[in-house]
């Protein structure tokens, strides 16, 4: 059975991720006063980074504390994301859908998807660093072990 300390560490990692993303959005709002393509791309990258990093930690929560705890955390994160992301989606299919419906140009869709890809790629180094600290037993060996996920 996993300890409460491990859950506190996972909660802190998720909270840290949300806080960093919140600060990053505030910085983008200060730098880009108007809604420009650059601002949209930065916000997409931040949202994708936040989603991926949080979901990596949710794997730890689900593995050690069960589906109910995972569901509660995911529910709370969904509320957080809905209040903070604005128009960012962190999901490539929405841009493909907009393209098919004729609401956007192909170049805009591709650039937004590439921005999301960049945000997702940044997640790997961030999570690798956090997990390699091995603050809790739940993170021991996770940073460098072979992936055993069902979807592999």
C-alpha atoms as a PDB file:
ATOM      1  CA  UNK A   1       0.000   0.000   0.000  1.00  0.00           C
ATOM      2  CA  UNK A   2       1.308   3.427  -0.939  1.00  0.00           C
ATOM      3  CA  UNK A   3       1.855   6.001   1.778  1.00  0.00           C
ATOM      4  CA  UNK A   4       0.045   9.267   2.250  1.00  0.00           C
ATOM      5  CA  UNK A   5       3.421  10.997   1.789  1.00  0.00           C
ATOM      6  CA  UNK A   6       3.543   9.762  -1.815  1.00  0.00           C
ATOM      7  CA  UNK A   7       0.094  11.217  -2.470  1.00  0.00           C
ATOM      8  CA  UNK A   8       1.200  14.528  -0.974  1.00  0.00           C
ATOM      9  CA  UNK A   9       4.261  14.559  -3.253  1.00  0.00           C
ATOM     10  CA  UNK A  10       2.147  13.762  -6.334  1.00  0.00           C
ATOM     11  CA  UNK A  11      -0.330  16.466  -5.342  1.00  0.00           C
ATOM     12  CA  UNK A  12       2.544  18.919  -4.902  1.00  0.00           C
ATOM     13  CA  UNK A  13       3.945  18.035  -8.339  1.00  0.00           C
ATOM     14  CA  UNK A  14       0.546  18.585  -9.952  1.00  0.00           C
ATOM     15  CA  UNK A  15       0.144  21.838  -8.012  1.00  0.00           C
ATOM     16  CA  UNK A  16       3.624  22.985  -9.051  1.00  0.00           C
ATOM     17  CA  UNK A  17       2.799  22.230 -12.673  1.00  0.00           C
ATOM     18  CA  UNK A  18      -0.436  24.225 -12.472  1.00  0.00           C
ATOM     19  CA  UNK A  19       1.355  27.111 -10.784  1.00  0.00           C
ATOM     20  CA  UNK A  20       4.140  27.224 -13.381  1.00  0.00           C
ATOM     21  CA  UNK A  21       1.562  27.180 -16.193  1.00  0.00           C
ATOM     22  CA  UNK A  22      -0.469  29.909 -14.484  1.00  0.00           C
ATOM     23  CA  UNK A  23       2.643  32.083 -14.172  1.00  0.00           C
ATOM     24  CA  UNK A  24       3.580  31.380 -17.781  1.00  0.00           C
ATOM     25  CA  UNK A  25       0.118  32.480 -18.938  1.00  0.00           C
ATOM     26  CA  UNK A  26       0.403  35.676 -16.876  1.00  0.00           C
ATOM     27  CA  UNK A  27       3.793  36.354 -18.479  1.00  0.00           C
ATOM     28  CA  UNK A  28       2.369  35.787 -21.965  1.00  0.00           C
ATOM     29  CA  UNK A  29      -0.497  38.174 -21.148  1.00  0.00           C
ATOM     30  CA  UNK A  30       2.028  40.852 -20.130  1.00  0.00           C
ATOM     31  CA  UNK A  31       4.284  40.339 -23.140  1.00  0.00           C
ATOM     32  CA  UNK A  32       1.506  39.993 -25.738  1.00  0.00           C
ATOM     33  CA  UNK A  33      -1.143  42.564 -24.916  1.00  0.00           C
ATOM     34  CA  UNK A  34      -3.215  41.883 -28.037  1.00  0.00           C
ATOM     35  CA  UNK A  35      -4.503  38.507 -29.177  1.00  0.00           C
ATOM     36  CA  UNK A  36      -1.951  37.683 -31.860  1.00  0.00           C
ATOM     37  CA  UNK A  37      -0.939  34.435 -33.509  1.00  0.00           C
ATOM     38  CA  UNK A  38       2.175  34.378 -31.331  1.00  0.00           C
ATOM     39  CA  UNK A  39       0.063  34.655 -28.165  1.00  0.00           C
ATOM     40  CA  UNK A  40      -2.292  31.904 -29.328  1.00  0.00           C
ATOM     41  CA  UNK A  41       0.651  29.596 -30.076  1.00  0.00           C
ATOM     42  CA  UNK A  42       2.288  30.252 -26.706  1.00  0.00           C
ATOM     43  CA  UNK A  43      -0.966  29.605 -24.854  1.00  0.00           C
ATOM     44  CA  UNK A  44      -1.469  26.346 -26.783  1.00  0.00           C
ATOM     45  CA  UNK A  45       2.051  25.208 -25.902  1.00  0.00           C
ATOM     46  CA  UNK A  46       1.543  26.068 -22.221  1.00  0.00           C
ATOM     47  CA  UNK A  47      -1.810  24.266 -22.055  1.00  0.00           C
ATOM     48  CA  UNK A  48      -0.357  21.178 -23.726  1.00  0.00           C
ATOM     49  CA  UNK A  49       2.639  21.189 -21.401  1.00  0.00           C
ATOM     50  CA  UNK A  50       0.363  21.494 -18.369  1.00  0.00           C
ATOM     51  CA  UNK A  51      -1.973  18.736 -19.562  1.00  0.00           C
ATOM     52  CA  UNK A  52       0.807  16.276 -20.363  1.00  0.00           C
ATOM     53  CA  UNK A  53       2.780  16.943 -17.184  1.00  0.00           C
ATOM     54  CA  UNK A  54      -0.314  16.607 -15.004  1.00  0.00           C
ATOM     55  CA  UNK A  55      -1.337  13.398 -16.729  1.00  0.00           C
ATOM     56  CA  UNK A  56       2.116  11.888 -16.221  1.00  0.00           C
ATOM     57  CA  UNK A  57       1.682  12.450 -12.496  1.00  0.00           C
ATOM     58  CA  UNK A  58      -1.884  11.148 -12.660  1.00  0.00           C
ATOM     59  CA  UNK A  59      -0.376   7.834 -13.788  1.00  0.00           C
ATOM     60  CA  UNK A  60       1.484   7.689 -10.472  1.00  0.00           C
ATOM     61  CA  UNK A  61      -1.728   8.503  -8.611  1.00  0.00           C
ATOM     62  CA  UNK A  62      -3.726   5.830 -10.445  1.00  0.00           C
ATOM     63  CA  UNK A  63      -1.037   3.156 -10.036  1.00  0.00           C
ATOM     64  CA  UNK A  64      -0.649   3.730  -6.306  1.00  0.00           C
ATOM     65  CA  UNK A  65      -3.981   5.048  -5.024  1.00  0.00           C
ATOM     66  CA  UNK A  66      -6.581   3.573  -7.354  1.00  0.00           C
ATOM     67  CA  UNK A  67      -9.065   4.680  -9.935  1.00  0.00           C
ATOM     68  CA  UNK A  68     -11.245   6.594  -7.476  1.00  0.00           C
ATOM     69  CA  UNK A  69      -8.409   8.885  -6.416  1.00  0.00           C
ATOM     70  CA  UNK A  70      -7.360   9.247 -10.046  1.00  0.00           C
ATOM     71  CA  UNK A  71     -10.936  10.193 -11.006  1.00  0.00           C
ATOM     72  CA  UNK A  72     -11.156  12.773  -8.232  1.00  0.00           C
ATOM     73  CA  UNK A  73      -7.848  14.366  -9.242  1.00  0.00           C
ATOM     74  CA  UNK A  74      -8.815  14.357 -12.923  1.00  0.00           C
ATOM     75  CA  UNK A  75     -12.176  15.938 -12.109  1.00  0.00           C
ATOM     76  CA  UNK A  76     -10.497  18.713 -10.105  1.00  0.00           C
ATOM     77  CA  UNK A  77      -7.883  19.244 -12.820  1.00  0.00           C
ATOM     78  CA  UNK A  78     -10.607  19.508 -15.455  1.00  0.00           C
ATOM     79  CA  UNK A  79     -12.253  22.295 -13.469  1.00  0.00           C
ATOM     80  CA  UNK A  80      -8.865  24.029 -13.068  1.00  0.00           C
ATOM     81  CA  UNK A  81      -8.119  23.745 -16.774  1.00  0.00           C
ATOM     82  CA  UNK A  82     -11.562  25.038 -17.801  1.00  0.00           C
ATOM     83  CA  UNK A  83     -11.034  28.131 -15.670  1.00  0.00           C
ATOM     84  CA  UNK A  84      -7.454  28.835 -16.782  1.00  0.00           C
ATOM     85  CA  UNK A  85      -6.877  27.773 -20.374  1.00  0.00           C
ATOM     86  CA  UNK A  86      -9.170  30.240 -22.105  1.00  0.00           C
ATOM     87  CA  UNK A  87      -9.408  29.287 -25.789  1.00  0.00           C
ATOM     88  CA  UNK A  88      -6.401  26.944 -25.722  1.00  0.00           C
ATOM     89  CA  UNK A  89      -7.333  23.313 -26.308  1.00  0.00           C
ATOM     90  CA  UNK A  90      -4.121  21.267 -25.949  1.00  0.00           C
ATOM     91  CA  UNK A  91      -5.734  18.926 -28.432  1.00  0.00           C
ATOM     92  CA  UNK A  92      -4.771  18.676 -32.115  1.00  0.00           C
ATOM     93  CA  UNK A  93      -8.065  17.247 -33.304  1.00  0.00           C
ATOM     94  CA  UNK A  94      -9.882  20.541 -32.631  1.00  0.00           C
ATOM     95  CA  UNK A  95      -7.648  22.276 -35.168  1.00  0.00           C
ATOM     96  CA  UNK A  96      -8.170  19.499 -37.708  1.00  0.00           C
ATOM     97  CA  UNK A  97     -11.917  19.786 -37.104  1.00  0.00           C
ATOM     98  CA  UNK A  98     -11.798  23.556 -37.642  1.00  0.00           C
ATOM     99  CA  UNK A  99      -9.855  22.960 -40.860  1.00  0.00           C
ATOM    100  CA  UNK A 100     -12.408  20.433 -42.151  1.00  0.00           C
ATOM    101  CA  UNK A 101     -15.265  22.792 -41.264  1.00  0.00           C
ATOM    102  CA  UNK A 102     -13.532  25.628 -43.121  1.00  0.00           C
ATOM    103  CA  UNK A 103     -13.074  27.781 -40.005  1.00  0.00           C
ATOM    104  CA  UNK A 104      -9.272  28.027 -40.318  1.00  0.00           C
ATOM    105  CA  UNK A 105      -6.466  27.835 -42.838  1.00  0.00           C
ATOM    106  CA  UNK A 106      -4.288  24.745 -43.124  1.00  0.00           C
ATOM    107  CA  UNK A 107      -1.192  26.780 -42.198  1.00  0.00           C
ATOM    108  CA  UNK A 108      -2.847  27.990 -38.967  1.00  0.00           C
ATOM    109  CA  UNK A 109      -3.877  24.458 -38.030  1.00  0.00           C
ATOM    110  CA  UNK A 110      -0.402  23.066 -38.694  1.00  0.00           C
ATOM    111  CA  UNK A 111       1.321  25.823 -36.708  1.00  0.00           C
ATOM    112  CA  UNK A 112      -1.035  25.335 -33.734  1.00  0.00           C
ATOM    113  CA  UNK A 113      -0.463  21.581 -33.794  1.00  0.00           C
ATOM    114  CA  UNK A 114       3.318  22.120 -33.957  1.00  0.00           C
ATOM    115  CA  UNK A 115       3.034  24.480 -30.988  1.00  0.00           C
ATOM    116  CA  UNK A 116       1.186  21.787 -29.061  1.00  0.00           C
ATOM    117  CA  UNK A 117       3.820  19.259 -30.051  1.00  0.00           C
ATOM    118  CA  UNK A 118       6.518  21.567 -28.677  1.00  0.00           C
ATOM    119  CA  UNK A 119       4.636  21.873 -25.386  1.00  0.00           C
ATOM    120  CA  UNK A 120       4.316  18.104 -25.196  1.00  0.00           C
ATOM    121  CA  UNK A 121       8.012  17.586 -25.873  1.00  0.00           C
ATOM    122  CA  UNK A 122       8.960  20.014 -23.092  1.00  0.00           C
ATOM    123  CA  UNK A 123       6.968  17.868 -20.697  1.00  0.00           C
ATOM    124  CA  UNK A 124       9.334  14.937 -20.998  1.00  0.00           C
ATOM    125  CA  UNK A 125      12.372  16.768 -19.598  1.00  0.00           C
ATOM    126  CA  UNK A 126      10.318  18.361 -16.818  1.00  0.00           C
ATOM    127  CA  UNK A 127       8.830  15.052 -15.654  1.00  0.00           C
ATOM    128  CA  UNK A 128      12.150  13.256 -16.041  1.00  0.00           C
ATOM    129  CA  UNK A 129      13.706  15.811 -13.703  1.00  0.00           C
ATOM    130  CA  UNK A 130      10.913  15.612 -11.103  1.00  0.00           C
ATOM    131  CA  UNK A 131      10.790  11.831 -11.105  1.00  0.00           C
ATOM    132  CA  UNK A 132      14.586  11.475 -10.992  1.00  0.00           C
ATOM    133  CA  UNK A 133      14.555  13.362  -7.675  1.00  0.00           C
ATOM    134  CA  UNK A 134      12.776  10.274  -6.251  1.00  0.00           C
ATOM    135  CA  UNK A 135      11.237  12.309  -3.436  1.00  0.00           C
ATOM    136  CA  UNK A 136       8.698   9.594  -2.681  1.00  0.00           C
ATOM    137  CA  UNK A 137       8.860   5.805  -3.021  1.00  0.00           C
ATOM    138  CA  UNK A 138       6.188   6.066  -5.730  1.00  0.00           C
ATOM    139  CA  UNK A 139       8.725   7.768  -8.016  1.00  0.00           C
ATOM    140  CA  UNK A 140      11.662   5.446  -7.358  1.00  0.00           C
ATOM    141  CA  UNK A 141      12.962   4.011 -10.606  1.00  0.00           C
ATOM    142  CA  UNK A 142      10.188   5.616 -12.674  1.00  0.00           C
ATOM    143  CA  UNK A 143      12.351   8.178 -14.460  1.00  0.00           C
ATOM    144  CA  UNK A 144      14.499   5.682 -16.316  1.00  0.00           C
ATOM    145  CA  UNK A 145      12.587   2.399 -16.347  1.00  0.00           C
ATOM    146  CA  UNK A 146      11.131   0.875 -19.502  1.00  0.00           C
ATOM    147  CA  UNK A 147       7.549   1.889 -20.229  1.00  0.00           C
ATOM    148  CA  UNK A 148       5.010  -0.796 -19.373  1.00  0.00           C
ATOM    149  CA  UNK A 149       1.846   1.158 -20.188  1.00  0.00           C
ATOM    150  CA  UNK A 150      -1.090  -0.708 -21.723  1.00  0.00           C
ATOM    151  CA  UNK A 151      -1.075   1.533 -24.801  1.00  0.00           C
ATOM    152  CA  UNK A 152       2.597   0.971 -25.549  1.00  0.00           C
END
